[in-house]
PDB file of N, CA and C in Angstrom:
ATOM      1  N   UNK A   1       3.813   2.602  74.848  1.00  0.00           N
ATOM      2  CA  UNK A   1       2.477   2.067  75.064  1.00  0.00           C
ATOM      3  C   UNK A   1       2.506   0.564  75.247  1.00  0.00           C
ATOM      4  N   UNK A   2       3.373  -0.136  74.532  1.00  0.00           N
ATOM      5  CA  UNK A   2       3.409  -1.595  74.628  1.00  0.00           C
ATOM      6  C   UNK A   2       3.526  -2.045  76.063  1.00  0.00           C
ATOM      7  N   UNK A   3       4.495  -1.495  76.785  1.00  0.00           N
ATOM      8  CA  UNK A   3       4.691  -1.917  78.167  1.00  0.00           C
ATOM      9  C   UNK A   3       3.499  -1.534  79.038  1.00  0.00           C
ATOM     10  N   UNK A   4       2.987  -0.335  78.846  1.00  0.00           N
ATOM     11  CA  UNK A   4       1.851   0.121  79.656  1.00  0.00           C
ATOM     12  C   UNK A   4       0.608  -0.722  79.358  1.00  0.00           C
ATOM     13  N   UNK A   5       0.335  -0.955  78.081  1.00  0.00           N
ATOM     14  CA  UNK A   5      -0.831  -1.771  77.720  1.00  0.00           C
ATOM     15  C   UNK A   5      -0.659  -3.193  78.232  1.00  0.00           C
ATOM     16  N   UNK A   6       0.507  -3.771  78.049  1.00  0.00           N
ATOM     17  CA  UNK A   6       0.750  -5.132  78.544  1.00  0.00           C
ATOM     18  C   UNK A   6       0.549  -5.215  80.050  1.00  0.00           C
ATOM     19  N   UNK A   7       1.071  -4.236  80.769  1.00  0.00           N
ATOM     20  CA  UNK A   7       0.935  -4.223  82.226  1.00  0.00           C
ATOM     21  C   UNK A   7      -0.520  -4.085  82.639  1.00  0.00           C
ATOM     22  N   UNK A   8      -1.245  -3.163  81.999  1.00  0.00           N
ATOM     23  CA  UNK A   8      -2.668  -2.975  82.316  1.00  0.00           C
ATOM     24  C   UNK A   8      -3.462  -4.250  82.070  1.00  0.00           C
ATOM     25  N   UNK A   9      -3.229  -4.869  80.928  1.00  0.00           N
ATOM     26  CA  UNK A   9      -3.977  -6.085  80.584  1.00  0.00           C
ATOM     27  C   UNK A   9      -3.598  -7.234  81.516  1.00  0.00           C
ATOM     28  N   UNK A  10      -2.329  -7.374  81.805  1.00  0.00           N
ATOM     29  CA  UNK A  10      -1.884  -8.436  82.697  1.00  0.00           C
ATOM     30  C   UNK A  10      -2.494  -8.264  84.086  1.00  0.00           C
ATOM     31  N   UNK A  11      -2.485  -7.045  84.591  1.00  0.00           N
ATOM     32  CA  UNK A  11      -3.068  -6.791  85.909  1.00  0.00           C
ATOM     33  C   UNK A  11      -4.565  -7.079  85.916  1.00  0.00           C
ATOM     34  N   UNK A  12      -5.252  -6.585  84.911  1.00  0.00           N
ATOM     35  CA  UNK A  12      -6.703  -6.764  84.847  1.00  0.00           C
ATOM     36  C   UNK A  12      -7.093  -8.229  84.676  1.00  0.00           C
ATOM     37  N   UNK A  13      -6.368  -8.931  83.824  1.00  0.00           N
ATOM     38  CA  UNK A  13      -6.701 -10.332  83.538  1.00  0.00           C
ATOM     39  C   UNK A  13      -5.995 -11.305  84.475  1.00  0.00           C
ATOM     40  N   UNK A  14      -5.198 -10.760  85.382  1.00  0.00           N
ATOM     41  CA  UNK A  14      -4.464 -11.565  86.372  1.00  0.00           C
ATOM     42  C   UNK A  14      -3.618 -12.644  85.708  1.00  0.00           C
ATOM     43  N   UNK A  15      -2.792 -12.185  84.792  1.00  0.00           N
ATOM     44  CA  UNK A  15      -1.878 -13.094  84.109  1.00  0.00           C
ATOM     45  C   UNK A  15      -0.513 -12.439  84.044  1.00  0.00           C
ATOM     46  N   UNK A  16       0.488 -13.234  83.758  1.00  0.00           N
ATOM     47  CA  UNK A  16       1.834 -12.721  83.613  1.00  0.00           C
ATOM     48  C   UNK A  16       1.906 -11.851  82.367  1.00  0.00           C
ATOM     49  N   UNK A  17       2.621 -10.745  82.451  1.00  0.00           N
ATOM     50  CA  UNK A  17       2.691  -9.827  81.303  1.00  0.00           C
ATOM     51  C   UNK A  17       3.332 -10.485  80.084  1.00  0.00           C
ATOM     52  N   UNK A  18       4.110 -11.531  80.290  1.00  0.00           N
ATOM     53  CA  UNK A  18       4.715 -12.225  79.147  1.00  0.00           C
ATOM     54  C   UNK A  18       3.660 -12.973  78.330  1.00  0.00           C
ATOM     55  N   UNK A  19       2.485 -13.196  78.901  1.00  0.00           N
ATOM     56  CA  UNK A  19       1.393 -13.864  78.193  1.00  0.00           C
ATOM     57  C   UNK A  19       0.559 -12.893  77.363  1.00  0.00           C
ATOM     58  N   UNK A  20       0.780 -11.616  77.563  1.00  0.00           N
ATOM     59  CA  UNK A  20       0.030 -10.595  76.830  1.00  0.00           C
ATOM     60  C   UNK A  20       0.808 -10.236  75.564  1.00  0.00           C
ATOM     61  N   UNK A  21       0.244 -10.615  74.430  1.00  0.00           N
ATOM     62  CA  UNK A  21       0.856 -10.305  73.138  1.00  0.00           C
ATOM     63  C   UNK A  21      -0.258 -10.046  72.135  1.00  0.00           C
ATOM     64  N   UNK A  22       0.108  -9.648  70.934  1.00  0.00           N
ATOM     65  CA  UNK A  22      -0.890  -9.280  69.925  1.00  0.00           C
ATOM     66  C   UNK A  22      -1.837 -10.410  69.568  1.00  0.00           C
ATOM     67  N   UNK A  23      -1.442 -11.633  69.784  1.00  0.00           N
ATOM     68  CA  UNK A  23      -2.282 -12.784  69.431  1.00  0.00           C
ATOM     69  C   UNK A  23      -3.348 -13.092  70.486  1.00  0.00           C
ATOM     70  N   UNK A  24      -3.234 -12.489  71.677  1.00  0.00           N
ATOM     71  CA  UNK A  24      -4.216 -12.732  72.736  1.00  0.00           C
ATOM     72  C   UNK A  24      -5.559 -12.133  72.322  1.00  0.00           C
ATOM     73  N   UNK A  25      -6.601 -12.972  72.351  1.00  0.00           N
ATOM     74  CA  UNK A  25      -7.950 -12.523  71.988  1.00  0.00           C
ATOM     75  C   UNK A  25      -8.933 -12.805  73.113  1.00  0.00           C
ATOM     76  N   UNK A  26     -10.002 -12.085  73.093  1.00  0.00           N
ATOM     77  CA  UNK A  26     -11.062 -12.287  74.074  1.00  0.00           C
ATOM     78  C   UNK A  26     -11.658 -13.690  73.932  1.00  0.00           C
ATOM     79  N   UNK A  27     -11.852 -14.145  72.717  1.00  0.00           N
ATOM     80  CA  UNK A  27     -12.476 -15.442  72.465  1.00  0.00           C
ATOM     81  C   UNK A  27     -11.635 -16.612  72.977  1.00  0.00           C
ATOM     82  N   UNK A  28     -10.325 -16.439  72.996  1.00  0.00           N
ATOM     83  CA  UNK A  28      -9.444 -17.533  73.399  1.00  0.00           C
ATOM     84  C   UNK A  28      -9.010 -17.471  74.854  1.00  0.00           C
ATOM     85  N   UNK A  29      -9.486 -16.486  75.577  1.00  0.00           N
ATOM     86  CA  UNK A  29      -9.087 -16.318  76.973  1.00  0.00           C
ATOM     87  C   UNK A  29     -10.233 -16.706  77.905  1.00  0.00           C
ATOM     88  N   UNK A  30      -9.912 -17.501  78.891  1.00  0.00           N
ATOM     89  CA  UNK A  30     -10.928 -17.904  79.874  1.00  0.00           C
ATOM     90  C   UNK A  30     -11.309 -16.753  80.807  1.00  0.00           C
ATOM     91  N   UNK A  31     -10.381 -15.843  81.030  1.00  0.00           N
ATOM     92  CA  UNK A  31     -10.626 -14.778  82.001  1.00  0.00           C
ATOM     93  C   UNK A  31     -11.092 -13.463  81.371  1.00  0.00           C
ATOM     94  N   UNK A  32     -10.924 -13.314  80.068  1.00  0.00           N
ATOM     95  CA  UNK A  32     -11.329 -12.087  79.381  1.00  0.00           C
ATOM     96  C   UNK A  32     -12.774 -12.245  78.915  1.00  0.00           C
ATOM     97  N   UNK A  33     -13.705 -12.024  79.840  1.00  0.00           N
ATOM     98  CA  UNK A  33     -15.126 -12.149  79.536  1.00  0.00           C
ATOM     99  C   UNK A  33     -15.719 -10.747  79.329  1.00  0.00           C
ATOM    100  N   UNK A  34     -17.013 -10.669  79.166  1.00  0.00           N
ATOM    101  CA  UNK A  34     -17.640  -9.380  78.871  1.00  0.00           C
ATOM    102  C   UNK A  34     -17.486  -8.374  80.025  1.00  0.00           C
ATOM    103  N   UNK A  35     -17.531  -8.845  81.251  1.00  0.00           N
ATOM    104  CA  UNK A  35     -17.336  -7.959  82.400  1.00  0.00           C
ATOM    105  C   UNK A  35     -15.908  -7.421  82.417  1.00  0.00           C
ATOM    106  N   UNK A  36     -14.934  -8.293  82.221  1.00  0.00           N
ATOM    107  CA  UNK A  36     -13.532  -7.870  82.185  1.00  0.00           C
ATOM    108  C   UNK A  36     -13.298  -6.919  81.015  1.00  0.00           C
ATOM    109  N   UNK A  37     -14.004  -7.152  79.913  1.00  0.00           N
ATOM    110  CA  UNK A  37     -13.855  -6.286  78.750  1.00  0.00           C
ATOM    111  C   UNK A  37     -14.295  -4.857  79.092  1.00  0.00           C
ATOM    112  N   UNK A  38     -15.401  -4.725  79.795  1.00  0.00           N
ATOM    113  CA  UNK A  38     -15.861  -3.391  80.177  1.00  0.00           C
ATOM    114  C   UNK A  38     -14.911  -2.761  81.201  1.00  0.00           C
ATOM    115  N   UNK A  39     -14.369  -3.558  82.107  1.00  0.00           N
ATOM    116  CA  UNK A  39     -13.364  -3.043  83.042  1.00  0.00           C
ATOM    117  C   UNK A  39     -12.145  -2.548  82.276  1.00  0.00           C
ATOM    118  N   UNK A  40     -11.758  -3.294  81.258  1.00  0.00           N
ATOM    119  CA  UNK A  40     -10.625  -2.922  80.417  1.00  0.00           C
ATOM    120  C   UNK A  40     -10.896  -1.596  79.721  1.00  0.00           C
ATOM    121  N   UNK A  41     -12.079  -1.423  79.184  1.00  0.00           N
ATOM    122  CA  UNK A  41     -12.436  -0.190  78.483  1.00  0.00           C
ATOM    123  C   UNK A  41     -12.329   1.008  79.426  1.00  0.00           C
ATOM    124  N   UNK A  42     -12.891   0.887  80.616  1.00  0.00           N
ATOM    125  CA  UNK A  42     -12.836   1.972  81.593  1.00  0.00           C
ATOM    126  C   UNK A  42     -11.379   2.268  81.973  1.00  0.00           C
ATOM    127  N   UNK A  43     -10.596   1.234  82.178  1.00  0.00           N
ATOM    128  CA  UNK A  43      -9.183   1.394  82.527  1.00  0.00           C
ATOM    129  C   UNK A  43      -8.422   2.100  81.412  1.00  0.00           C
ATOM    130  N   UNK A  44      -8.637   1.679  80.178  1.00  0.00           N
ATOM    131  CA  UNK A  44      -7.944   2.305  79.044  1.00  0.00           C
ATOM    132  C   UNK A  44      -8.335   3.778  78.911  1.00  0.00           C
ATOM    133  N   UNK A  45      -9.624   4.078  79.067  1.00  0.00           N
ATOM    134  CA  UNK A  45     -10.072   5.467  78.967  1.00  0.00           C
ATOM    135  C   UNK A  45      -9.435   6.326  80.057  1.00  0.00           C
ATOM    136  N   UNK A  46      -9.345   5.791  81.267  1.00  0.00           N
ATOM    137  CA  UNK A  46      -8.736   6.531  82.370  1.00  0.00           C
ATOM    138  C   UNK A  46      -7.227   6.694  82.183  1.00  0.00           C
ATOM    139  N   UNK A  47      -6.549   5.607  81.886  1.00  0.00           N
ATOM    140  CA  UNK A  47      -5.082   5.619  81.793  1.00  0.00           C
ATOM    141  C   UNK A  47      -4.559   6.428  80.615  1.00  0.00           C
ATOM    142  N   UNK A  48      -5.272   6.389  79.490  1.00  0.00           N
ATOM    143  CA  UNK A  48      -4.800   7.085  78.297  1.00  0.00           C
ATOM    144  C   UNK A  48      -5.571   8.380  78.033  1.00  0.00           C
ATOM    145  N   UNK A  49      -6.487   8.743  78.947  1.00  0.00           N
ATOM    146  CA  UNK A  49      -7.252   9.987  78.859  1.00  0.00           C
ATOM    147  C   UNK A  49      -7.909  10.137  77.489  1.00  0.00           C
ATOM    148  N   UNK A  50      -8.754   9.163  77.167  1.00  0.00           N
ATOM    149  CA  UNK A  50      -9.456   9.192  75.887  1.00  0.00           C
ATOM    150  C   UNK A  50     -10.857   8.653  76.060  1.00  0.00           C
ATOM    151  N   UNK A  51     -11.674   8.863  75.030  1.00  0.00           N
ATOM    152  CA  UNK A  51     -13.036   8.333  75.026  1.00  0.00           C
ATOM    153  C   UNK A  51     -13.170   7.379  73.841  1.00  0.00           C
ATOM    154  N   UNK A  52     -13.626   6.171  74.137  1.00  0.00           N
ATOM    155  CA  UNK A  52     -13.787   5.153  73.104  1.00  0.00           C
ATOM    156  C   UNK A  52     -15.240   5.104  72.649  1.00  0.00           C
ATOM    157  N   UNK A  53     -15.428   4.995  71.355  1.00  0.00           N
ATOM    158  CA  UNK A  53     -16.778   4.916  70.791  1.00  0.00           C
ATOM    159  C   UNK A  53     -17.296   3.485  70.936  1.00  0.00           C
ATOM    160  N   UNK A  54     -18.597   3.296  70.824  1.00  0.00           N
ATOM    161  CA  UNK A  54     -19.141   1.936  70.851  1.00  0.00           C
ATOM    162  C   UNK A  54     -18.492   1.048  69.784  1.00  0.00           C
ATOM    163  N   UNK A  55     -18.229   1.606  68.607  1.00  0.00           N
ATOM    164  CA  UNK A  55     -17.570   0.843  67.544  1.00  0.00           C
ATOM    165  C   UNK A  55     -16.163   0.415  67.963  1.00  0.00           C
ATOM    166  N   UNK A  56     -15.409   1.346  68.596  1.00  0.00           N
ATOM    167  CA  UNK A  56     -14.072   0.999  69.106  1.00  0.00           C
ATOM    168  C   UNK A  56     -14.167  -0.162  70.083  1.00  0.00           C
ATOM    169  N   UNK A  57     -15.095  -0.060  71.010  1.00  0.00           N
ATOM    170  CA  UNK A  57     -15.242  -1.069  72.066  1.00  0.00           C
ATOM    171  C   UNK A  57     -15.554  -2.431  71.467  1.00  0.00           C
ATOM    172  N   UNK A  58     -16.432  -2.468  70.490  1.00  0.00           N
ATOM    173  CA  UNK A  58     -16.786  -3.733  69.843  1.00  0.00           C
ATOM    174  C   UNK A  58     -15.606  -4.326  69.096  1.00  0.00           C
ATOM    175  N   UNK A  59     -14.798  -3.458  68.491  1.00  0.00           N
ATOM    176  CA  UNK A  59     -13.661  -3.939  67.703  1.00  0.00           C
ATOM    177  C   UNK A  59     -12.468  -4.375  68.543  1.00  0.00           C
ATOM    178  N   UNK A  60     -12.434  -4.035  69.806  1.00  0.00           N
ATOM    179  CA  UNK A  60     -11.269  -4.296  70.654  1.00  0.00           C
ATOM    180  C   UNK A  60     -11.322  -5.694  71.265  1.00  0.00           C
ATOM    181  N   UNK A  61     -11.316  -6.696  70.416  1.00  0.00           N
ATOM    182  CA  UNK A  61     -11.426  -8.076  70.870  1.00  0.00           C
ATOM    183  C   UNK A  61     -10.093  -8.819  70.890  1.00  0.00           C
ATOM    184  N   UNK A  62      -9.008  -8.120  70.619  1.00  0.00           N
ATOM    185  CA  UNK A  62      -7.666  -8.708  70.701  1.00  0.00           C
ATOM    186  C   UNK A  62      -6.699  -7.610  71.116  1.00  0.00           C
ATOM    187  N   UNK A  63      -5.554  -8.008  71.600  1.00  0.00           N
ATOM    188  CA  UNK A  63      -4.537  -7.035  71.976  1.00  0.00           C
ATOM    189  C   UNK A  63      -4.136  -6.233  70.736  1.00  0.00           C
ATOM    190  N   UNK A  64      -3.995  -6.905  69.618  1.00  0.00           N
ATOM    191  CA  UNK A  64      -3.631  -6.217  68.373  1.00  0.00           C
ATOM    192  C   UNK A  64      -4.670  -5.152  68.008  1.00  0.00           C
ATOM    193  N   UNK A  65      -5.941  -5.494  68.111  1.00  0.00           N
ATOM    194  CA  UNK A  65      -7.002  -4.546  67.797  1.00  0.00           C
ATOM    195  C   UNK A  65      -7.007  -3.368  68.780  1.00  0.00           C
ATOM    196  N   UNK A  66      -6.716  -3.642  70.038  1.00  0.00           N
ATOM    197  CA  UNK A  66      -6.638  -2.568  71.032  1.00  0.00           C
ATOM    198  C   UNK A  66      -5.522  -1.606  70.659  1.00  0.00           C
ATOM    199  N   UNK A  67      -4.345  -2.150  70.314  1.00  0.00           N
ATOM    200  CA  UNK A  67      -3.220  -1.302  69.903  1.00  0.00           C
ATOM    201  C   UNK A  67      -3.606  -0.438  68.698  1.00  0.00           C
ATOM    202  N   UNK A  68      -4.298  -1.027  67.725  1.00  0.00           N
ATOM    203  CA  UNK A  68      -4.699  -0.291  66.521  1.00  0.00           C
ATOM    204  C   UNK A  68      -5.645   0.852  66.858  1.00  0.00           C
ATOM    205  N   UNK A  69      -6.616   0.588  67.746  1.00  0.00           N
ATOM    206  CA  UNK A  69      -7.555   1.644  68.149  1.00  0.00           C
ATOM    207  C   UNK A  69      -6.806   2.740  68.888  1.00  0.00           C
ATOM    208  N   UNK A  70      -5.919   2.375  69.803  1.00  0.00           N
ATOM    209  CA  UNK A  70      -5.158   3.377  70.553  1.00  0.00           C
ATOM    210  C   UNK A  70      -4.291   4.218  69.627  1.00  0.00           C
ATOM    211  N   UNK A  71      -3.681   3.599  68.647  1.00  0.00           N
ATOM    212  CA  UNK A  71      -2.858   4.335  67.688  1.00  0.00           C
ATOM    213  C   UNK A  71      -3.696   5.318  66.881  1.00  0.00           C
ATOM    214  N   UNK A  72      -4.905   4.890  66.480  1.00  0.00           N
ATOM    215  CA  UNK A  72      -5.810   5.813  65.768  1.00  0.00           C
ATOM    216  C   UNK A  72      -6.210   6.997  66.627  1.00  0.00           C
ATOM    217  N   UNK A  73      -6.210   6.786  67.941  1.00  0.00           N
ATOM    218  CA  UNK A  73      -6.575   7.859  68.877  1.00  0.00           C
ATOM    219  C   UNK A  73      -5.369   8.724  69.236  1.00  0.00           C
ATOM    220  N   UNK A  74      -4.224   8.455  68.615  1.00  0.00           N
ATOM    221  CA  UNK A  74      -3.032   9.266  68.860  1.00  0.00           C
ATOM    222  C   UNK A  74      -2.113   8.753  69.934  1.00  0.00           C
ATOM    223  N   UNK A  75      -2.375   7.563  70.450  1.00  0.00           N
ATOM    224  CA  UNK A  75      -1.486   6.953  71.441  1.00  0.00           C
ATOM    225  C   UNK A  75      -0.465   6.130  70.671  1.00  0.00           C
ATOM    226  N   UNK A  76       0.782   6.598  70.682  1.00  0.00           N
ATOM    227  CA  UNK A  76       1.832   5.954  69.891  1.00  0.00           C
ATOM    228  C   UNK A  76       2.710   5.073  70.775  1.00  0.00           C
ATOM    229  N   UNK A  77       3.347   4.086  70.111  1.00  0.00           N
ATOM    230  CA  UNK A  77       4.308   3.218  70.812  1.00  0.00           C
ATOM    231  C   UNK A  77       5.507   4.009  71.255  1.00  0.00           C
TER     232      UNK A  77
END
């Protein structure tokens, strides 16, 4: 999942995948705005074949938090 998530986020946010790490947050990124966040949610649901709850979506404000939500949904590293 690490590589797939990093690649998805890098493509969506138009950044090098080496810049995508657990410390990356929505608040600290110029390109990760609310529109990109919703694009990310749709992409994650499609790519990992899952449905995210409103609570999941609100909590997914960092790469680390995204990984934690995906792991709770059964997506393992």
